[in-house]
PDB file of N, CA and C in Angstrom:
ATOM      1  N   UNK A   1     179.994 130.708 -13.872  1.00  0.00           N
ATOM      2  CA  UNK A   1     180.205 132.128 -13.687  1.00  0.00           C
ATOM      3  C   UNK A   1     181.525 132.322 -12.924  1.00  0.00           C
ATOM      4  N   UNK A   2     182.203 133.439 -13.222  1.00  0.00           N
ATOM      5  CA  UNK A   2     183.510 133.812 -12.607  1.00  0.00           C
ATOM      6  C   UNK A   2     183.249 134.803 -11.507  1.00  0.00           C
ATOM      7  N   UNK A   3     184.229 134.883 -10.589  1.00  0.00           N
ATOM      8  CA  UNK A   3     184.063 135.819  -9.471  1.00  0.00           C
ATOM      9  C   UNK A   3     183.946 137.234  -9.843  1.00  0.00           C
ATOM     10  N   UNK A   4     184.667 137.650 -10.941  1.00  0.00           N
ATOM     11  CA  UNK A   4     184.659 139.026 -11.378  1.00  0.00           C
ATOM     12  C   UNK A   4     183.315 139.445 -11.941  1.00  0.00           C
ATOM     13  N   UNK A   5     182.452 138.500 -12.281  1.00  0.00           N
ATOM     14  CA  UNK A   5     181.068 138.794 -12.742  1.00  0.00           C
ATOM     15  C   UNK A   5     180.045 139.067 -11.621  1.00  0.00           C
ATOM     16  N   UNK A   6     180.424 138.702 -10.383  1.00  0.00           N
ATOM     17  CA  UNK A   6     179.570 138.912  -9.199  1.00  0.00           C
ATOM     18  C   UNK A   6     179.840 140.168  -8.513  1.00  0.00           C
ATOM     19  N   UNK A   7     178.787 140.732  -7.966  1.00  0.00           N
ATOM     20  CA  UNK A   7     178.868 142.013  -7.256  1.00  0.00           C
ATOM     21  C   UNK A   7     179.336 141.664  -5.797  1.00  0.00           C
ATOM     22  N   UNK A   8     179.989 142.671  -5.143  1.00  0.00           N
ATOM     23  CA  UNK A   8     180.382 142.487  -3.735  1.00  0.00           C
ATOM     24  C   UNK A   8     179.089 142.182  -2.973  1.00  0.00           C
ATOM     25  N   UNK A   9     179.133 141.175  -2.102  1.00  0.00           N
ATOM     26  CA  UNK A   9     177.964 140.834  -1.328  1.00  0.00           C
ATOM     27  C   UNK A   9     177.149 139.716  -1.901  1.00  0.00           C
ATOM     28  N   UNK A  10     177.477 139.317  -3.169  1.00  0.00           N
ATOM     29  CA  UNK A  10     176.727 138.201  -3.820  1.00  0.00           C
ATOM     30  C   UNK A  10     177.116 136.862  -3.195  1.00  0.00           C
ATOM     31  N   UNK A  11     176.132 135.976  -3.031  1.00  0.00           N
ATOM     32  CA  UNK A  11     176.396 134.698  -2.523  1.00  0.00           C
ATOM     33  C   UNK A  11     176.625 133.690  -3.722  1.00  0.00           C
ATOM     34  N   UNK A  12     177.554 132.719  -3.466  1.00  0.00           N
ATOM     35  CA  UNK A  12     177.837 131.662  -4.475  1.00  0.00           C
ATOM     36  C   UNK A  12     178.312 130.458  -3.866  1.00  0.00           C
ATOM     37  N   UNK A  13     178.348 129.408  -4.696  1.00  0.00           N
ATOM     38  CA  UNK A  13     178.874 128.111  -4.217  1.00  0.00           C
ATOM     39  C   UNK A  13     180.111 127.821  -4.955  1.00  0.00           C
ATOM     40  N   UNK A  14     181.110 127.368  -4.211  1.00  0.00           N
ATOM     41  CA  UNK A  14     182.439 126.973  -4.791  1.00  0.00           C
ATOM     42  C   UNK A  14     182.949 125.824  -4.025  1.00  0.00           C
ATOM     43  N   UNK A  15     183.221 124.745  -4.676  1.00  0.00           N
ATOM     44  CA  UNK A  15     183.770 123.494  -4.104  1.00  0.00           C
ATOM     45  C   UNK A  15     182.898 122.975  -3.005  1.00  0.00           C
ATOM     46  N   UNK A  16     181.563 123.099  -3.223  1.00  0.00           N
ATOM     47  CA  UNK A  16     180.556 122.532  -2.223  1.00  0.00           C
ATOM     48  C   UNK A  16     180.349 123.431  -0.996  1.00  0.00           C
ATOM     49  N   UNK A  17     180.958 124.594  -0.948  1.00  0.00           N
ATOM     50  CA  UNK A  17     180.775 125.477   0.177  1.00  0.00           C
ATOM     51  C   UNK A  17     180.093 126.742  -0.339  1.00  0.00           C
ATOM     52  N   UNK A  18     179.315 127.412   0.589  1.00  0.00           N
ATOM     53  CA  UNK A  18     178.720 128.686   0.278  1.00  0.00           C
ATOM     54  C   UNK A  18     179.578 129.854   0.773  1.00  0.00           C
ATOM     55  N   UNK A  19     179.723 130.887  -0.118  1.00  0.00           N
ATOM     56  CA  UNK A  19     180.595 131.983   0.123  1.00  0.00           C
ATOM     57  C   UNK A  19     179.804 133.273  -0.194  1.00  0.00           C
ATOM     58  N   UNK A  20     180.346 134.384   0.346  1.00  0.00           N
ATOM     59  CA  UNK A  20     179.872 135.746   0.030  1.00  0.00           C
ATOM     60  C   UNK A  20     181.070 136.512  -0.474  1.00  0.00           C
ATOM     61  N   UNK A  21     180.944 137.122  -1.681  1.00  0.00           N
ATOM     62  CA  UNK A  21     182.046 137.865  -2.228  1.00  0.00           C
ATOM     63  C   UNK A  21     182.295 139.126  -1.360  1.00  0.00           C
ATOM     64  N   UNK A  22     183.573 139.299  -0.960  1.00  0.00           N
ATOM     65  CA  UNK A  22     183.907 140.431  -0.128  1.00  0.00           C
ATOM     66  C   UNK A  22     184.974 141.359  -0.761  1.00  0.00           C
ATOM     67  N   UNK A  23     185.587 140.866  -1.957  1.00  0.00           N
ATOM     68  CA  UNK A  23     186.539 141.737  -2.636  1.00  0.00           C
ATOM     69  C   UNK A  23     186.722 141.157  -4.024  1.00  0.00           C
ATOM     70  N   UNK A  24     187.634 141.738  -4.815  1.00  0.00           N
ATOM     71  CA  UNK A  24     187.920 141.339  -6.190  1.00  0.00           C
ATOM     72  C   UNK A  24     188.290 139.906  -6.304  1.00  0.00           C
ATOM     73  N   UNK A  25     189.036 139.408  -5.301  1.00  0.00           N
ATOM     74  CA  UNK A  25     189.519 138.022  -5.367  1.00  0.00           C
ATOM     75  C   UNK A  25     189.194 137.217  -4.093  1.00  0.00           C
ATOM     76  N   UNK A  26     188.447 137.813  -3.174  1.00  0.00           N
ATOM     77  CA  UNK A  26     188.257 137.251  -1.873  1.00  0.00           C
ATOM     78  C   UNK A  26     186.747 136.958  -1.586  1.00  0.00           C
ATOM     79  N   UNK A  27     186.536 136.071  -0.720  1.00  0.00           N
ATOM     80  CA  UNK A  27     185.136 135.662  -0.303  1.00  0.00           C
ATOM     81  C   UNK A  27     185.181 135.184   1.162  1.00  0.00           C
ATOM     82  N   UNK A  28     184.079 135.372   1.812  1.00  0.00           N
ATOM     83  CA  UNK A  28     183.974 134.843   3.160  1.00  0.00           C
ATOM     84  C   UNK A  28     183.050 133.682   3.182  1.00  0.00           C
ATOM     85  N   UNK A  29     183.504 132.602   3.874  1.00  0.00           N
ATOM     86  CA  UNK A  29     182.727 131.351   3.856  1.00  0.00           C
ATOM     87  C   UNK A  29     181.625 131.440   4.859  1.00  0.00           C
ATOM     88  N   UNK A  30     180.610 130.627   4.725  1.00  0.00           N
ATOM     89  CA  UNK A  30     179.491 130.546   5.596  1.00  0.00           C
ATOM     90  C   UNK A  30     179.966 130.164   7.020  1.00  0.00           C
ATOM     91  N   UNK A  31     181.056 129.377   7.066  1.00  0.00           N
ATOM     92  CA  UNK A  31     181.597 128.924   8.358  1.00  0.00           C
ATOM     93  C   UNK A  31     182.605 129.913   8.940  1.00  0.00           C
ATOM     94  N   UNK A  32     182.751 131.023   8.268  1.00  0.00           N
ATOM     95  CA  UNK A  32     183.712 132.061   8.790  1.00  0.00           C
ATOM     96  C   UNK A  32     185.078 131.906   8.106  1.00  0.00           C
ATOM     97  N   UNK A  33     185.849 132.975   8.095  1.00  0.00           N
ATOM     98  CA  UNK A  33     187.143 132.952   7.432  1.00  0.00           C
ATOM     99  C   UNK A  33     187.042 133.477   6.019  1.00  0.00           C
ATOM    100  N   UNK A  34     188.182 134.134   5.573  1.00  0.00           N
ATOM    101  CA  UNK A  34     188.317 134.580   4.211  1.00  0.00           C
ATOM    102  C   UNK A  34     189.075 133.522   3.341  1.00  0.00           C
ATOM    103  N   UNK A  35     188.782 133.575   2.057  1.00  0.00           N
ATOM    104  CA  UNK A  35     189.500 132.691   1.146  1.00  0.00           C
ATOM    105  C   UNK A  35     189.691 133.460  -0.150  1.00  0.00           C
ATOM    106  N   UNK A  36     190.841 133.235  -0.762  1.00  0.00           N
ATOM    107  CA  UNK A  36     191.107 133.710  -2.108  1.00  0.00           C
ATOM    108  C   UNK A  36     190.415 132.778  -3.130  1.00  0.00           C
ATOM    109  N   UNK A  37     189.682 133.318  -4.054  1.00  0.00           N
ATOM    110  CA  UNK A  37     189.042 132.530  -4.992  1.00  0.00           C
ATOM    111  C   UNK A  37     189.756 132.725  -6.345  1.00  0.00           C
ATOM    112  N   UNK A  38     190.305 131.674  -6.917  1.00  0.00           N
ATOM    113  CA  UNK A  38     191.099 131.805  -8.185  1.00  0.00           C
ATOM    114  C   UNK A  38     190.282 132.345  -9.283  1.00  0.00           C
ATOM    115  N   UNK A  39     190.892 133.102 -10.134  1.00  0.00           N
ATOM    116  CA  UNK A  39     190.145 133.744 -11.360  1.00  0.00           C
ATOM    117  C   UNK A  39     189.549 132.662 -12.214  1.00  0.00           C
ATOM    118  N   UNK A  40     190.213 131.522 -12.305  1.00  0.00           N
ATOM    119  CA  UNK A  40     189.769 130.414 -13.204  1.00  0.00           C
ATOM    120  C   UNK A  40     188.568 129.665 -12.627  1.00  0.00           C
ATOM    121  N   UNK A  41     188.259 129.849 -11.330  1.00  0.00           N
ATOM    122  CA  UNK A  41     187.218 129.106 -10.666  1.00  0.00           C
ATOM    123  C   UNK A  41     185.818 129.326 -11.319  1.00  0.00           C
ATOM    124  N   UNK A  42     185.132 128.273 -11.535  1.00  0.00           N
ATOM    125  CA  UNK A  42     183.694 128.427 -12.005  1.00  0.00           C
ATOM    126  C   UNK A  42     182.828 128.267 -10.785  1.00  0.00           C
ATOM    127  N   UNK A  43     181.944 129.356 -10.640  1.00  0.00           N
ATOM    128  CA  UNK A  43     181.152 129.399  -9.443  1.00  0.00           C
ATOM    129  C   UNK A  43     179.661 129.290  -9.811  1.00  0.00           C
ATOM    130  N   UNK A  44     178.913 128.808  -8.786  1.00  0.00           N
ATOM    131  CA  UNK A  44     177.467 128.746  -8.986  1.00  0.00           C
ATOM    132  C   UNK A  44     176.795 129.840  -8.172  1.00  0.00           C
ATOM    133  N   UNK A  45     176.236 130.886  -8.869  1.00  0.00           N
ATOM    134  CA  UNK A  45     175.580 131.922  -8.102  1.00  0.00           C
ATOM    135  C   UNK A  45     174.343 131.379  -7.305  1.00  0.00           C
ATOM    136  N   UNK A  46     174.166 131.912  -6.133  1.00  0.00           N
ATOM    137  CA  UNK A  46     173.007 131.479  -5.274  1.00  0.00           C
ATOM    138  C   UNK A  46     171.932 132.582  -5.318  1.00  0.00           C
ATOM    139  N   UNK A  47     172.313 133.825  -5.644  1.00  0.00           N
ATOM    140  CA  UNK A  47     171.302 134.836  -5.733  1.00  0.00           C
ATOM    141  C   UNK A  47     170.749 134.837  -7.095  1.00  0.00           C
ATOM    142  N   UNK A  48     169.412 134.705  -7.254  1.00  0.00           N
ATOM    143  CA  UNK A  48     168.784 134.646  -8.547  1.00  0.00           C
ATOM    144  C   UNK A  48     168.987 135.912  -9.286  1.00  0.00           C
ATOM    145  N   UNK A  49     169.536 135.920 -10.495  1.00  0.00           N
ATOM    146  CA  UNK A  49     169.609 137.139 -11.352  1.00  0.00           C
ATOM    147  C   UNK A  49     168.225 137.577 -11.809  1.00  0.00           C
ATOM    148  N   UNK A  50     168.051 138.849 -11.941  1.00  0.00           N
ATOM    149  CA  UNK A  50     166.837 139.423 -12.495  1.00  0.00           C
ATOM    150  C   UNK A  50     166.759 139.313 -13.951  1.00  0.00           C
ATOM    151  N   UNK A  51     165.595 138.957 -14.498  1.00  0.00           N
ATOM    152  CA  UNK A  51     165.472 138.837 -15.936  1.00  0.00           C
ATOM    153  C   UNK A  51     164.287 139.748 -16.371  1.00  0.00           C
ATOM    154  N   UNK A  52     164.131 139.948 -17.645  1.00  0.00           N
ATOM    155  CA  UNK A  52     163.156 140.826 -18.138  1.00  0.00           C
ATOM    156  C   UNK A  52     161.776 140.684 -17.570  1.00  0.00           C
ATOM    157  N   UNK A  53     161.145 141.764 -17.046  1.00  0.00           N
ATOM    158  CA  UNK A  53     159.816 141.820 -16.611  1.00  0.00           C
ATOM    159  C   UNK A  53     159.497 140.828 -15.442  1.00  0.00           C
ATOM    160  N   UNK A  54     160.430 140.218 -14.834  1.00  0.00           N
ATOM    161  CA  UNK A  54     160.213 139.372 -13.706  1.00  0.00           C
ATOM    162  C   UNK A  54     160.281 140.230 -12.490  1.00  0.00           C
ATOM    163  N   UNK A  55     159.639 139.744 -11.440  1.00  0.00           N
ATOM    164  CA  UNK A  55     159.589 140.477 -10.198  1.00  0.00           C
ATOM    165  C   UNK A  55     161.004 140.588  -9.486  1.00  0.00           C
ATOM    166  N   UNK A  56     161.364 141.853  -9.138  1.00  0.00           N
ATOM    167  CA  UNK A  56     162.631 142.117  -8.503  1.00  0.00           C
ATOM    168  C   UNK A  56     162.286 142.752  -7.202  1.00  0.00           C
ATOM    169  N   UNK A  57     162.674 142.219  -6.071  1.00  0.00           N
ATOM    170  CA  UNK A  57     162.408 142.833  -4.774  1.00  0.00           C
ATOM    171  C   UNK A  57     160.936 143.150  -4.547  1.00  0.00           C
ATOM    172  N   UNK A  58     160.152 142.187  -4.586  1.00  0.00           N
ATOM    173  CA  UNK A  58     158.692 142.422  -4.396  1.00  0.00           C
ATOM    174  C   UNK A  58     157.954 142.725  -5.638  1.00  0.00           C
ATOM    175  N   UNK A  59     157.523 143.986  -5.894  1.00  0.00           N
ATOM    176  CA  UNK A  59     156.723 144.284  -7.003  1.00  0.00           C
ATOM    177  C   UNK A  59     157.480 145.141  -8.044  1.00  0.00           C
ATOM    178  N   UNK A  60     158.745 145.200  -8.002  1.00  0.00           N
ATOM    179  CA  UNK A  60     159.480 146.059  -8.973  1.00  0.00           C
ATOM    180  C   UNK A  60     159.786 145.269 -10.282  1.00  0.00           C
ATOM    181  N   UNK A  61     159.186 145.777 -11.366  1.00  0.00           N
ATOM    182  CA  UNK A  61     159.412 145.146 -12.637  1.00  0.00           C
ATOM    183  C   UNK A  61     160.095 146.197 -13.559  1.00  0.00           C
ATOM    184  N   UNK A  62     160.577 145.711 -14.711  1.00  0.00           N
ATOM    185  CA  UNK A  62     161.208 146.619 -15.685  1.00  0.00           C
ATOM    186  C   UNK A  62     160.277 147.745 -16.064  1.00  0.00           C
ATOM    187  N   UNK A  63     159.018 147.359 -16.329  1.00  0.00           N
ATOM    188  CA  UNK A  63     158.053 148.404 -16.748  1.00  0.00           C
ATOM    189  C   UNK A  63     157.824 149.468 -15.635  1.00  0.00           C
ATOM    190  N   UNK A  64     157.870 149.035 -14.416  1.00  0.00           N
ATOM    191  CA  UNK A  64     157.665 150.006 -13.317  1.00  0.00           C
ATOM    192  C   UNK A  64     158.857 150.910 -13.238  1.00  0.00           C
ATOM    193  N   UNK A  65     160.130 150.391 -13.406  1.00  0.00           N
ATOM    194  CA  UNK A  65     161.314 151.180 -13.392  1.00  0.00           C
ATOM    195  C   UNK A  65     161.285 152.220 -14.574  1.00  0.00           C
ATOM    196  N   UNK A  66     160.939 151.680 -15.732  1.00  0.00           N
ATOM    197  CA  UNK A  66     160.894 152.640 -16.913  1.00  0.00           C
ATOM    198  C   UNK A  66     159.866 153.703 -16.667  1.00  0.00           C
ATOM    199  N   UNK A  67     158.715 153.434 -16.168  1.00  0.00           N
ATOM    200  CA  UNK A  67     157.678 154.450 -15.962  1.00  0.00           C
ATOM    201  C   UNK A  67     158.150 155.487 -14.948  1.00  0.00           C
ATOM    202  N   UNK A  68     158.733 154.976 -13.818  1.00  0.00           N
ATOM    203  CA  UNK A  68     159.204 155.874 -12.839  1.00  0.00           C
ATOM    204  C   UNK A  68     160.313 156.818 -13.357  1.00  0.00           C
ATOM    205  N   UNK A  69     161.246 156.204 -14.201  1.00  0.00           N
ATOM    206  CA  UNK A  69     162.299 156.967 -14.757  1.00  0.00           C
ATOM    207  C   UNK A  69     161.766 157.997 -15.737  1.00  0.00           C
ATOM    208  N   UNK A  70     160.808 157.693 -16.550  1.00  0.00           N
ATOM    209  CA  UNK A  70     160.160 158.615 -17.522  1.00  0.00           C
ATOM    210  C   UNK A  70     159.613 159.832 -16.759  1.00  0.00           C
ATOM    211  N   UNK A  71     158.919 159.575 -15.653  1.00  0.00           N
ATOM    212  CA  UNK A  71     158.357 160.647 -14.819  1.00  0.00           C
ATOM    213  C   UNK A  71     159.485 161.557 -14.269  1.00  0.00           C
ATOM    214  N   UNK A  72     160.512 160.934 -13.785  1.00  0.00           N
ATOM    215  CA  UNK A  72     161.675 161.630 -13.276  1.00  0.00           C
ATOM    216  C   UNK A  72     162.348 162.455 -14.359  1.00  0.00           C
ATOM    217  N   UNK A  73     162.540 161.886 -15.568  1.00  0.00           N
ATOM    218  CA  UNK A  73     163.154 162.576 -16.648  1.00  0.00           C
ATOM    219  C   UNK A  73     162.332 163.819 -17.067  1.00  0.00           C
ATOM    220  N   UNK A  74     161.059 163.643 -17.196  1.00  0.00           N
ATOM    221  CA  UNK A  74     160.220 164.776 -17.581  1.00  0.00           C
ATOM    222  C   UNK A  74     160.304 165.957 -16.599  1.00  0.00           C
ATOM    223  N   UNK A  75     160.302 165.618 -15.253  1.00  0.00           N
ATOM    224  CA  UNK A  75     160.488 166.577 -14.272  1.00  0.00           C
ATOM    225  C   UNK A  75     161.906 167.271 -14.398  1.00  0.00           C
ATOM    226  N   UNK A  76     162.964 166.535 -14.724  1.00  0.00           N
ATOM    227  CA  UNK A  76     164.312 167.096 -14.866  1.00  0.00           C
ATOM    228  C   UNK A  76     164.339 168.012 -16.040  1.00  0.00           C
ATOM    229  N   UNK A  77     163.677 167.724 -17.107  1.00  0.00           N
ATOM    230  CA  UNK A  77     163.630 168.521 -18.322  1.00  0.00           C
ATOM    231  C   UNK A  77     163.196 169.897 -17.962  1.00  0.00           C
ATOM    232  N   UNK A  78     162.242 170.070 -17.146  1.00  0.00           N
ATOM    233  CA  UNK A  78     161.714 171.363 -16.737  1.00  0.00           C
ATOM    234  C   UNK A  78     162.731 172.169 -15.894  1.00  0.00           C
ATOM    235  N   UNK A  79     163.582 171.507 -15.198  1.00  0.00           N
ATOM    236  CA  UNK A  79     164.524 172.059 -14.269  1.00  0.00           C
ATOM    237  C   UNK A  79     165.899 172.481 -14.880  1.00  0.00           C
ATOM    238  N   UNK A  80     166.205 171.852 -16.034  1.00  0.00           N
ATOM    239  CA  UNK A  80     167.521 172.011 -16.726  1.00  0.00           C
ATOM    240  C   UNK A  80     167.424 173.099 -17.761  1.00  0.00           C
ATOM    241  N   UNK A  81     168.482 173.922 -17.823  1.00  0.00           N
ATOM    242  CA  UNK A  81     168.525 174.964 -18.896  1.00  0.00           C
ATOM    243  C   UNK A  81     168.846 174.320 -20.253  1.00  0.00           C
ATOM    244  N   UNK A  82     168.858 175.144 -21.280  1.00  0.00           N
ATOM    245  CA  UNK A  82     169.140 174.628 -22.604  1.00  0.00           C
ATOM    246  C   UNK A  82     170.451 173.862 -22.746  1.00  0.00           C
ATOM    247  N   UNK A  83     171.509 174.438 -22.073  1.00  0.00           N
ATOM    248  CA  UNK A  83     172.809 173.842 -22.175  1.00  0.00           C
ATOM    249  C   UNK A  83     172.756 172.423 -21.596  1.00  0.00           C
ATOM    250  N   UNK A  84     171.990 172.241 -20.522  1.00  0.00           N
ATOM    251  CA  UNK A  84     172.005 170.920 -19.801  1.00  0.00           C
ATOM    252  C   UNK A  84     171.089 169.914 -20.485  1.00  0.00           C
ATOM    253  N   UNK A  85     170.196 170.349 -21.395  1.00  0.00           N
ATOM    254  CA  UNK A  85     169.283 169.431 -22.025  1.00  0.00           C
ATOM    255  C   UNK A  85     169.957 168.312 -22.858  1.00  0.00           C
ATOM    256  N   UNK A  86     171.042 168.698 -23.555  1.00  0.00           N
ATOM    257  CA  UNK A  86     171.753 167.709 -24.330  1.00  0.00           C
ATOM    258  C   UNK A  86     172.440 166.649 -23.396  1.00  0.00           C
ATOM    259  N   UNK A  87     173.066 167.130 -22.336  1.00  0.00           N
ATOM    260  CA  UNK A  87     173.660 166.235 -21.429  1.00  0.00           C
ATOM    261  C   UNK A  87     172.519 165.346 -20.714  1.00  0.00           C
ATOM    262  N   UNK A  88     171.472 165.913 -20.375  1.00  0.00           N
ATOM    263  CA  UNK A  88     170.390 165.131 -19.772  1.00  0.00           C
ATOM    264  C   UNK A  88     169.890 164.022 -20.709  1.00  0.00           C
ATOM    265  N   UNK A  89     169.730 164.432 -21.994  1.00  0.00           N
ATOM    266  CA  UNK A  89     169.280 163.425 -22.991  1.00  0.00           C
ATOM    267  C   UNK A  89     170.281 162.308 -23.123  1.00  0.00           C
ATOM    268  N   UNK A  90     171.534 162.673 -23.166  1.00  0.00           N
ATOM    269  CA  UNK A  90     172.617 161.665 -23.205  1.00  0.00           C
ATOM    270  C   UNK A  90     172.506 160.647 -22.075  1.00  0.00           C
ATOM    271  N   UNK A  91     172.359 161.224 -20.871  1.00  0.00           N
ATOM    272  CA  UNK A  91     172.274 160.393 -19.710  1.00  0.00           C
ATOM    273  C   UNK A  91     171.067 159.491 -19.717  1.00  0.00           C
ATOM    274  N   UNK A  92     169.984 160.035 -20.271  1.00  0.00           N
ATOM    275  CA  UNK A  92     168.709 159.227 -20.408  1.00  0.00           C
ATOM    276  C   UNK A  92     168.985 158.011 -21.365  1.00  0.00           C
ATOM    277  N   UNK A  93     169.617 158.301 -22.502  1.00  0.00           N
ATOM    278  CA  UNK A  93     169.924 157.260 -23.461  1.00  0.00           C
ATOM    279  C   UNK A  93     170.827 156.191 -22.782  1.00  0.00           C
ATOM    280  N   UNK A  94     171.817 156.607 -22.132  1.00  0.00           N
ATOM    281  CA  UNK A  94     172.684 155.630 -21.446  1.00  0.00           C
ATOM    282  C   UNK A  94     171.885 154.766 -20.475  1.00  0.00           C
ATOM    283  N   UNK A  95     171.022 155.373 -19.649  1.00  0.00           N
ATOM    284  CA  UNK A  95     170.197 154.641 -18.724  1.00  0.00           C
ATOM    285  C   UNK A  95     169.354 153.588 -19.491  1.00  0.00           C
ATOM    286  N   UNK A  96     168.602 154.063 -20.505  1.00  0.00           N
ATOM    287  CA  UNK A  96     167.702 153.180 -21.249  1.00  0.00           C
ATOM    288  C   UNK A  96     168.451 151.999 -21.929  1.00  0.00           C
ATOM    289  N   UNK A  97     169.717 152.308 -22.327  1.00  0.00           N
ATOM    290  CA  UNK A  97     170.497 151.276 -23.019  1.00  0.00           C
ATOM    291  C   UNK A  97     170.807 150.044 -22.064  1.00  0.00           C
ATOM    292  N   UNK A  98     170.693 150.327 -20.776  1.00  0.00           N
ATOM    293  CA  UNK A  98     171.032 149.164 -19.819  1.00  0.00           C
ATOM    294  C   UNK A  98     169.886 148.106 -19.864  1.00  0.00           C
ATOM    295  N   UNK A  99     168.814 148.482 -20.501  1.00  0.00           N
ATOM    296  CA  UNK A  99     167.687 147.482 -20.624  1.00  0.00           C
ATOM    297  C   UNK A  99     167.786 146.632 -21.822  1.00  0.00           C
ATOM    298  N   UNK A 100     168.676 147.033 -22.778  1.00  0.00           N
ATOM    299  CA  UNK A 100     168.812 146.275 -24.040  1.00  0.00           C
ATOM    300  C   UNK A 100     169.610 144.987 -23.861  1.00  0.00           C
TER     301      UNK A 100
END
């Protein structure tokens, strides 16, 4: 994995040391100090990525997120006028596309 694929704050291993990403090209080592991480560097992520329907932060699953979002969306539909319905629907489609 490359540094640009990690979020700020993500932990990773590089050259046998543990780092935390602090910027687009920088990381802070476990022992202190900043280091520039080359774009070509291959890193080992230490934070487990979430995958489909696996537990994320306790009891949060994809199904739970979808159900909560559907409830939120139905509530928003009642609050938005006709002009806003199309924009709300577009936003919903974009959100649901993140699960594909």
